[in-house]
Structures are given as structure tokens and as C-alpha cells.
Amino acid sequence: EVQLVESGGGLVQAGGSLRLSCAASGFTVDDDAIGWFRQAPGKEREGVSCISSKYGSTNYADSVKGRFTISSDNAKNTVHLQMNSLKPEDTAVYYCAVLRRTVVITRTFVLCDPRYYLSWGQGTQVTVSS
């Protein structure tokens, strides 16, 4: 059974850092693309960052470029999201999910649209105070 479990969320002041983890089971993160998404109250779920360890491709939302870094620890079957220089507008529940295998991935592009992702975790709350 495919399962994803997020952890690492919390309360942090603006400018601070957090590291989120997405632990996978039932598949290996070096075969399938993993994405991080977030949903703030009253807003739609949006793609934050996605990675294909197999193809070496990553994708970042413009709003997090230069601040967030996604990485894959294949030995631990876990994908991390390092979040630096956090802003109050980063406050949301953060989820990870697996890209459908029918979606094409290349070495220069991995889709980061939540409509194409499956097996969502339960989410982890990130709150950034001003």
C-alpha cells in the first residue's frame, strides 16, 4: 500500500527556517516523482516544489524560488523540503503526494500540478508569525 507521512511543521517567526519530511512506503522515491503542496485557509491547493530523483529534475513555484530546496534521500525513502527565509504568506498546511505514472517526466521538467498527484499524506501545519 502506498503511504506518505509528512512531518516537520511548526510555528516559526518570519525569516526563520523549517525542514519538512515526507516519508514514503509502498514504493520508492527514486522511481516516482514526489511533490510538496500547500493549502492556506480559503485558498486552493498549490504546488510548492516537486522532484524526480530518477530524472534529476525539480520544479519550484515562483513564490518559493531561492528560499526553498527540495531533496530526495533515497536511502531513507524520504523527500525533504528545506524552507528558509519564511514569510507569513507561507503559512499553510503542507502535503506531499506522488505523481501519476502516466505523466511524462523529463530531465528538465517535472509537473507540479496537484491535479496529477495521488496518495496524499495527512499534511503538516506550517505557521509563520510576523
N, C-alpha and C. Protein backbone atom coordinates (compact mmCIF):
# COMPACT_ATOMS: atom_id res chain seq x y z
N GLU A 1 0.84 -1.19 0.00
CA GLU A 1 0.00 0.00 0.00
C GLU A 1 0.87 1.25 0.00
N VAL A 2 0.56 2.15 -0.91
CA VAL A 2 1.31 3.41 -0.98
C VAL A 2 0.88 4.32 0.16
N GLN A 3 1.86 4.84 0.89
CA GLN A 3 1.56 5.73 2.00
C GLN A 3 2.64 6.79 2.11
N LEU A 4 2.19 8.02 2.41
CA LEU A 4 3.10 9.14 2.61
C LEU A 4 2.78 9.78 3.94
N VAL A 5 3.82 10.09 4.71
CA VAL A 5 3.63 10.70 6.02
C VAL A 5 4.51 11.94 6.12
N GLU A 6 3.86 13.09 6.29
CA GLU A 6 4.60 14.35 6.42
C GLU A 6 4.93 14.64 7.88
N SER A 7 6.02 15.34 8.09
CA SER A 7 6.41 15.78 9.43
C SER A 7 7.30 17.01 9.30
N GLY A 8 7.52 17.68 10.43
CA GLY A 8 8.45 18.80 10.46
C GLY A 8 7.82 20.18 10.51
N GLY A 9 6.51 20.24 10.44
CA GLY A 9 5.85 21.53 10.51
C GLY A 9 5.94 22.13 11.90
N GLY A 10 5.49 23.38 12.02
CA GLY A 10 5.51 24.04 13.31
C GLY A 10 5.30 25.53 13.19
N LEU A 11 5.54 26.20 14.30
CA LEU A 11 5.40 27.66 14.37
C LEU A 11 6.79 28.28 14.34
N VAL A 12 6.99 29.23 13.47
CA VAL A 12 8.29 29.88 13.33
C VAL A 12 8.08 31.36 13.03
N GLN A 13 9.03 32.17 13.44
CA GLN A 13 8.94 33.60 13.14
C GLN A 13 9.38 33.86 11.70
N ALA A 14 8.91 34.95 11.16
CA ALA A 14 9.31 35.35 9.81
C ALA A 14 10.83 35.43 9.73
N GLY A 15 11.37 34.91 8.64
CA GLY A 15 12.81 34.86 8.48
C GLY A 15 13.44 33.57 8.94
N GLY A 16 12.66 32.76 9.65
CA GLY A 16 13.17 31.51 10.17
C GLY A 16 13.13 30.38 9.15
N SER A 17 13.48 29.18 9.62
CA SER A 17 13.57 28.03 8.73
C SER A 17 12.85 26.83 9.33
N LEU A 18 12.40 25.96 8.46
CA LEU A 18 11.84 24.67 8.83
C LEU A 18 12.25 23.67 7.77
N ARG A 19 12.32 22.42 8.19
CA ARG A 19 12.61 21.33 7.25
C ARG A 19 11.49 20.30 7.34
N LEU A 20 10.75 20.17 6.25
CA LEU A 20 9.68 19.19 6.19
C LEU A 20 10.20 17.88 5.61
N SER A 21 9.62 16.78 6.09
CA SER A 21 9.98 15.46 5.58
C SER A 21 8.74 14.73 5.11
N CYS A 22 8.90 13.96 4.05
CA CYS A 22 7.82 13.15 3.50
C CYS A 22 8.35 11.72 3.42
N ALA A 23 7.94 10.89 4.37
CA ALA A 23 8.40 9.50 4.41
C ALA A 23 7.46 8.63 3.59
N ALA A 24 8.04 7.88 2.65
CA ALA A 24 7.24 7.07 1.73
C ALA A 24 7.34 5.59 2.06
N SER A 25 6.26 4.89 1.81
CA SER A 25 6.26 3.43 1.92
C SER A 25 5.36 2.87 0.83
N GLY A 26 5.64 1.64 0.41
CA GLY A 26 4.86 1.02 -0.64
C GLY A 26 5.39 1.31 -2.04
N PHE A 27 6.39 2.15 -2.13
CA PHE A 27 7.05 2.46 -3.39
C PHE A 27 8.38 3.12 -3.04
N THR A 28 9.21 3.38 -4.05
CA THR A 28 10.49 4.02 -3.77
C THR A 28 10.55 5.40 -4.41
N VAL A 29 11.06 6.36 -3.67
CA VAL A 29 11.09 7.75 -4.15
C VAL A 29 12.07 7.94 -5.30
N ASP A 30 12.96 6.98 -5.54
CA ASP A 30 13.86 7.14 -6.68
C ASP A 30 13.23 6.63 -7.98
N ASP A 31 12.03 6.08 -7.90
CA ASP A 31 11.31 5.67 -9.09
C ASP A 31 10.19 6.63 -9.48
N ASP A 32 9.57 7.23 -8.49
CA ASP A 32 8.40 8.07 -8.73
C ASP A 32 8.66 9.51 -8.29
N ALA A 33 8.05 10.45 -8.99
CA ALA A 33 8.18 11.86 -8.64
C ALA A 33 7.32 12.16 -7.41
N ILE A 34 7.85 13.00 -6.55
CA ILE A 34 7.15 13.42 -5.34
C ILE A 34 6.99 14.93 -5.36
N GLY A 35 5.86 15.38 -4.90
CA GLY A 35 5.61 16.81 -4.85
C GLY A 35 5.21 17.28 -3.47
N TRP A 36 5.58 18.53 -3.17
CA TRP A 36 5.10 19.21 -1.98
C TRP A 36 4.08 20.27 -2.41
N PHE A 37 2.98 20.33 -1.69
CA PHE A 37 1.90 21.25 -2.00
C PHE A 37 1.47 21.92 -0.70
N ARG A 38 0.74 23.00 -0.83
CA ARG A 38 0.24 23.65 0.38
C ARG A 38 -1.14 24.23 0.12
N GLN A 39 -1.88 24.34 1.21
CA GLN A 39 -3.21 24.92 1.13
C GLN A 39 -3.44 25.80 2.33
N ALA A 40 -3.66 27.06 2.05
CA ALA A 40 -3.98 28.03 3.10
C ALA A 40 -5.50 28.14 3.21
N PRO A 41 -6.00 28.58 4.37
CA PRO A 41 -7.45 28.69 4.54
C PRO A 41 -8.08 29.56 3.45
N GLY A 42 -9.13 29.04 2.83
CA GLY A 42 -9.84 29.79 1.81
C GLY A 42 -9.18 29.82 0.46
N LYS A 43 -8.07 29.12 0.32
CA LYS A 43 -7.35 29.11 -0.95
C LYS A 43 -7.26 27.70 -1.52
N GLU A 44 -7.01 27.63 -2.81
CA GLU A 44 -6.84 26.33 -3.45
C GLU A 44 -5.46 25.75 -3.13
N ARG A 45 -5.39 24.44 -3.23
CA ARG A 45 -4.11 23.78 -3.04
C ARG A 45 -3.18 24.14 -4.19
N GLU A 46 -1.94 24.46 -3.87
CA GLU A 46 -1.00 24.88 -4.90
C GLU A 46 0.30 24.08 -4.81
N GLY A 47 0.95 23.93 -5.95
CA GLY A 47 2.22 23.26 -5.98
C GLY A 47 3.32 24.15 -5.42
N VAL A 48 4.15 23.60 -4.56
CA VAL A 48 5.27 24.33 -3.98
C VAL A 48 6.58 23.90 -4.65
N SER A 49 6.81 22.59 -4.65
CA SER A 49 8.03 22.07 -5.27
C SER A 49 7.87 20.58 -5.52
N CYS A 50 8.43 20.13 -6.62
CA CYS A 50 8.34 18.72 -6.99
C CYS A 50 9.70 18.22 -7.47
N ILE A 51 9.91 16.92 -7.33
CA ILE A 51 11.21 16.35 -7.68
C ILE A 51 11.05 14.97 -8.29
N SER A 52 11.88 14.73 -9.30
CA SER A 52 12.05 13.39 -9.82
C SER A 52 13.49 13.00 -9.59
N SER A 53 13.71 12.14 -8.62
CA SER A 53 15.07 11.69 -8.34
C SER A 53 15.61 10.87 -9.52
N LYS A 54 14.74 10.14 -10.17
CA LYS A 54 15.14 9.27 -11.29
C LYS A 54 15.68 10.09 -12.44
N TYR A 55 15.04 11.21 -12.76
CA TYR A 55 15.45 12.04 -13.89
C TYR A 55 16.29 13.24 -13.46
N GLY A 56 16.39 13.48 -12.17
CA GLY A 56 17.18 14.61 -11.69
C GLY A 56 16.54 15.96 -11.95
N SER A 57 15.23 16.01 -12.04
CA SER A 57 14.54 17.27 -12.34
C SER A 57 13.78 17.76 -11.11
N THR A 58 13.73 19.08 -10.98
CA THR A 58 12.98 19.72 -9.91
C THR A 58 12.15 20.86 -10.48
N ASN A 59 11.18 21.28 -9.69
CA ASN A 59 10.29 22.35 -10.11
C ASN A 59 9.91 23.13 -8.86
N TYR A 60 9.96 24.46 -8.94
CA TYR A 60 9.61 25.31 -7.81
C TYR A 60 8.59 26.35 -8.23
N ALA A 61 7.67 26.63 -7.34
CA ALA A 61 6.78 27.77 -7.55
C ALA A 61 7.60 29.04 -7.49
N ASP A 62 7.21 30.03 -8.27
CA ASP A 62 7.95 31.30 -8.30
C ASP A 62 8.06 31.91 -6.90
N SER A 63 7.02 31.73 -6.11
CA SER A 63 6.96 32.35 -4.79
C SER A 63 7.97 31.78 -3.80
N VAL A 64 8.54 30.62 -4.11
CA VAL A 64 9.49 29.99 -3.17
C VAL A 64 10.88 29.84 -3.75
N LYS A 65 11.06 30.18 -5.00
CA LYS A 65 12.39 30.04 -5.62
C LYS A 65 13.42 30.85 -4.86
N GLY A 66 14.56 30.21 -4.62
CA GLY A 66 15.63 30.86 -3.89
C GLY A 66 15.50 30.76 -2.38
N ARG A 67 14.35 30.29 -1.89
CA ARG A 67 14.14 30.15 -0.45
C ARG A 67 13.95 28.69 -0.04
N PHE A 68 13.30 27.92 -0.87
CA PHE A 68 13.00 26.52 -0.57
C PHE A 68 13.89 25.61 -1.43
N THR A 69 14.25 24.47 -0.85
CA THR A 69 15.02 23.47 -1.58
C THR A 69 14.43 22.10 -1.34
N ILE A 70 14.13 21.39 -2.43
CA ILE A 70 13.61 20.03 -2.33
C ILE A 70 14.75 19.05 -2.57
N SER A 71 14.74 17.96 -1.83
CA SER A 71 15.79 16.95 -2.00
C SER A 71 15.22 15.58 -1.70
N SER A 72 15.90 14.58 -2.22
CA SER A 72 15.46 13.20 -2.04
C SER A 72 16.55 12.39 -1.36
N ASP A 73 16.18 11.73 -0.28
CA ASP A 73 17.09 10.81 0.41
C ASP A 73 16.64 9.40 0.08
N ASN A 74 17.22 8.85 -0.96
CA ASN A 74 16.77 7.54 -1.44
C ASN A 74 17.02 6.43 -0.42
N ALA A 75 18.08 6.55 0.35
CA ALA A 75 18.40 5.53 1.35
C ALA A 75 17.32 5.44 2.42
N LYS A 76 16.72 6.59 2.74
CA LYS A 76 15.66 6.62 3.75
C LYS A 76 14.27 6.67 3.13
N ASN A 77 14.23 6.66 1.79
CA ASN A 77 12.95 6.72 1.07
C ASN A 77 12.12 7.91 1.53
N THR A 78 12.78 9.04 1.60
CA THR A 78 12.17 10.25 2.14
C THR A 78 12.53 11.44 1.24
N VAL A 79 11.59 12.34 1.09
CA VAL A 79 11.81 13.60 0.38
C VAL A 79 11.69 14.74 1.38
N HIS A 80 12.65 15.66 1.34
CA HIS A 80 12.67 16.78 2.26
C HIS A 80 12.36 18.09 1.53
N LEU A 81 11.84 19.03 2.28
CA LEU A 81 11.65 20.39 1.78
C LEU A 81 12.26 21.32 2.81
N GLN A 82 13.42 21.88 2.48
CA GLN A 82 14.08 22.85 3.35
C GLN A 82 13.51 24.22 3.03
N MET A 83 12.95 24.86 4.03
CA MET A 83 12.31 26.15 3.84
C MET A 83 13.05 27.21 4.64
N ASN A 84 13.65 28.15 3.95
CA ASN A 84 14.39 29.23 4.59
C ASN A 84 13.72 30.56 4.31
N SER A 85 14.10 31.56 5.08
CA SER A 85 13.55 32.91 4.90
C SER A 85 12.03 32.88 4.82
N LEU A 86 11.42 32.19 5.74
CA LEU A 86 9.97 32.01 5.72
C LEU A 86 9.24 33.33 5.90
N LYS A 87 8.10 33.43 5.24
CA LYS A 87 7.26 34.62 5.28
C LYS A 87 5.88 34.25 5.82
N PRO A 88 5.16 35.20 6.36
CA PRO A 88 3.80 34.90 6.84
C PRO A 88 2.92 34.29 5.75
N GLU A 89 3.13 34.67 4.52
CA GLU A 89 2.32 34.13 3.43
C GLU A 89 2.64 32.66 3.10
N ASP A 90 3.67 32.11 3.74
CA ASP A 90 3.97 30.68 3.60
C ASP A 90 3.12 29.83 4.53
N THR A 91 2.37 30.48 5.41
CA THR A 91 1.51 29.76 6.35
C THR A 91 0.47 28.95 5.60
N ALA A 92 0.44 27.65 5.89
CA ALA A 92 -0.49 26.74 5.22
C ALA A 92 -0.29 25.34 5.78
N VAL A 93 -1.19 24.44 5.38
CA VAL A 93 -0.96 23.02 5.61
C VAL A 93 -0.18 22.51 4.40
N TYR A 94 0.91 21.84 4.66
CA TYR A 94 1.77 21.32 3.60
C TYR A 94 1.56 19.81 3.46
N TYR A 95 1.39 19.40 2.21
CA TYR A 95 1.14 18.00 1.89
C TYR A 95 2.19 17.50 0.90
N CYS A 96 2.43 16.18 0.92
CA CYS A 96 3.21 15.58 -0.15
C CYS A 96 2.36 14.51 -0.83
N ALA A 97 2.70 14.23 -2.07
CA ALA A 97 1.95 13.28 -2.87
C ALA A 97 2.84 12.74 -3.98
N VAL A 98 2.34 11.68 -4.65
CA VAL A 98 3.10 11.01 -5.70
C VAL A 98 2.49 11.33 -7.07
N LEU A 99 3.36 11.60 -8.02
CA LEU A 99 2.90 11.89 -9.38
C LEU A 99 2.37 10.62 -10.05
N ARG A 100 1.25 10.75 -10.74
CA ARG A 100 0.73 9.62 -11.51
C ARG A 100 1.79 9.13 -12.49
N ARG A 101 1.90 7.83 -12.63
CA ARG A 101 2.92 7.26 -13.51
C ARG A 101 2.62 7.47 -14.99
N THR A 102 1.41 7.91 -15.31
CA THR A 102 1.06 8.18 -16.71
C THR A 102 1.58 9.53 -17.17
N VAL A 103 2.07 10.35 -16.24
CA VAL A 103 2.56 11.68 -16.59
C VAL A 103 4.04 11.61 -16.98
N VAL A 104 4.36 12.23 -18.10
CA VAL A 104 5.73 12.19 -18.60
C VAL A 104 6.63 13.11 -17.77
N ILE A 105 7.80 12.60 -17.44
CA ILE A 105 8.82 13.38 -16.74
C ILE A 105 10.05 13.44 -17.64
N THR A 106 10.72 14.57 -17.62
CA THR A 106 11.97 14.68 -18.37
C THR A 106 13.09 15.12 -17.44
N ARG A 107 14.28 15.20 -17.97
CA ARG A 107 15.40 15.64 -17.14
C ARG A 107 15.34 17.13 -16.85
N THR A 108 14.49 17.86 -17.55
CA THR A 108 14.40 19.29 -17.33
C THR A 108 13.05 19.72 -16.78
N PHE A 109 12.12 18.78 -16.66
CA PHE A 109 10.80 19.21 -16.19
C PHE A 109 10.07 18.08 -15.47
N VAL A 110 9.51 18.41 -14.32
CA VAL A 110 8.60 17.51 -13.62
C VAL A 110 7.36 18.33 -13.27
N LEU A 111 6.21 17.83 -13.66
CA LEU A 111 4.95 18.54 -13.44
C LEU A 111 4.68 18.71 -11.95
N CYS A 112 4.20 19.88 -11.59
CA CYS A 112 3.93 20.15 -10.17
C CYS A 112 2.50 20.66 -10.00
N ASP A 113 1.58 20.07 -10.71
CA ASP A 113 0.16 20.41 -10.66
C ASP A 113 -0.54 19.40 -9.76
N PRO A 114 -1.18 19.84 -8.67
CA PRO A 114 -1.76 18.88 -7.71
C PRO A 114 -2.81 17.96 -8.32
N ARG A 115 -3.40 18.35 -9.45
CA ARG A 115 -4.45 17.51 -10.06
C ARG A 115 -3.88 16.19 -10.58
N TYR A 116 -2.58 16.10 -10.74
CA TYR A 116 -1.96 14.91 -11.30
C TYR A 116 -1.24 14.08 -10.24
N TYR A 117 -1.48 14.38 -8.99
CA TYR A 117 -0.81 13.68 -7.90
C TYR A 117 -1.80 12.84 -7.10
N LEU A 118 -1.26 11.79 -6.51
CA LEU A 118 -2.08 10.81 -5.79
C LEU A 118 -1.52 10.53 -4.40
N SER A 119 -2.29 9.76 -3.64
CA SER A 119 -1.83 9.20 -2.36
C SER A 119 -1.35 10.29 -1.41
N TRP A 120 -2.19 11.23 -1.18
CA TRP A 120 -1.85 12.38 -0.34
C TRP A 120 -1.65 11.98 1.11
N GLY A 121 -0.65 12.62 1.73
CA GLY A 121 -0.45 12.44 3.15
C GLY A 121 -1.48 13.24 3.93
N GLN A 122 -1.35 13.21 5.25
CA GLN A 122 -2.34 13.88 6.10
C GLN A 122 -2.03 15.36 6.26
N GLY A 123 -0.83 15.77 5.89
CA GLY A 123 -0.46 17.18 5.95
C GLY A 123 0.23 17.55 7.25
N THR A 124 1.00 18.62 7.20
CA THR A 124 1.66 19.16 8.38
C THR A 124 1.52 20.68 8.36
N GLN A 125 1.13 21.24 9.47
CA GLN A 125 0.84 22.68 9.55
C GLN A 125 2.14 23.49 9.69
N VAL A 126 2.25 24.50 8.86
CA VAL A 126 3.35 25.46 8.97
C VAL A 126 2.74 26.83 9.24
N THR A 127 3.15 27.45 10.32
CA THR A 127 2.64 28.77 10.67
C THR A 127 3.82 29.71 10.86
N VAL A 128 3.81 30.81 10.10
CA VAL A 128 4.89 31.79 10.16
C VAL A 128 4.32 33.07 10.73
N SER A 129 4.84 33.48 11.86
CA SER A 129 4.35 34.70 12.50
C SER A 129 5.19 35.90 12.06
N SER A 130 4.52 37.04 12.02
CA SER A 130 5.21 38.27 11.57
C SER A 130 5.87 38.98 12.72
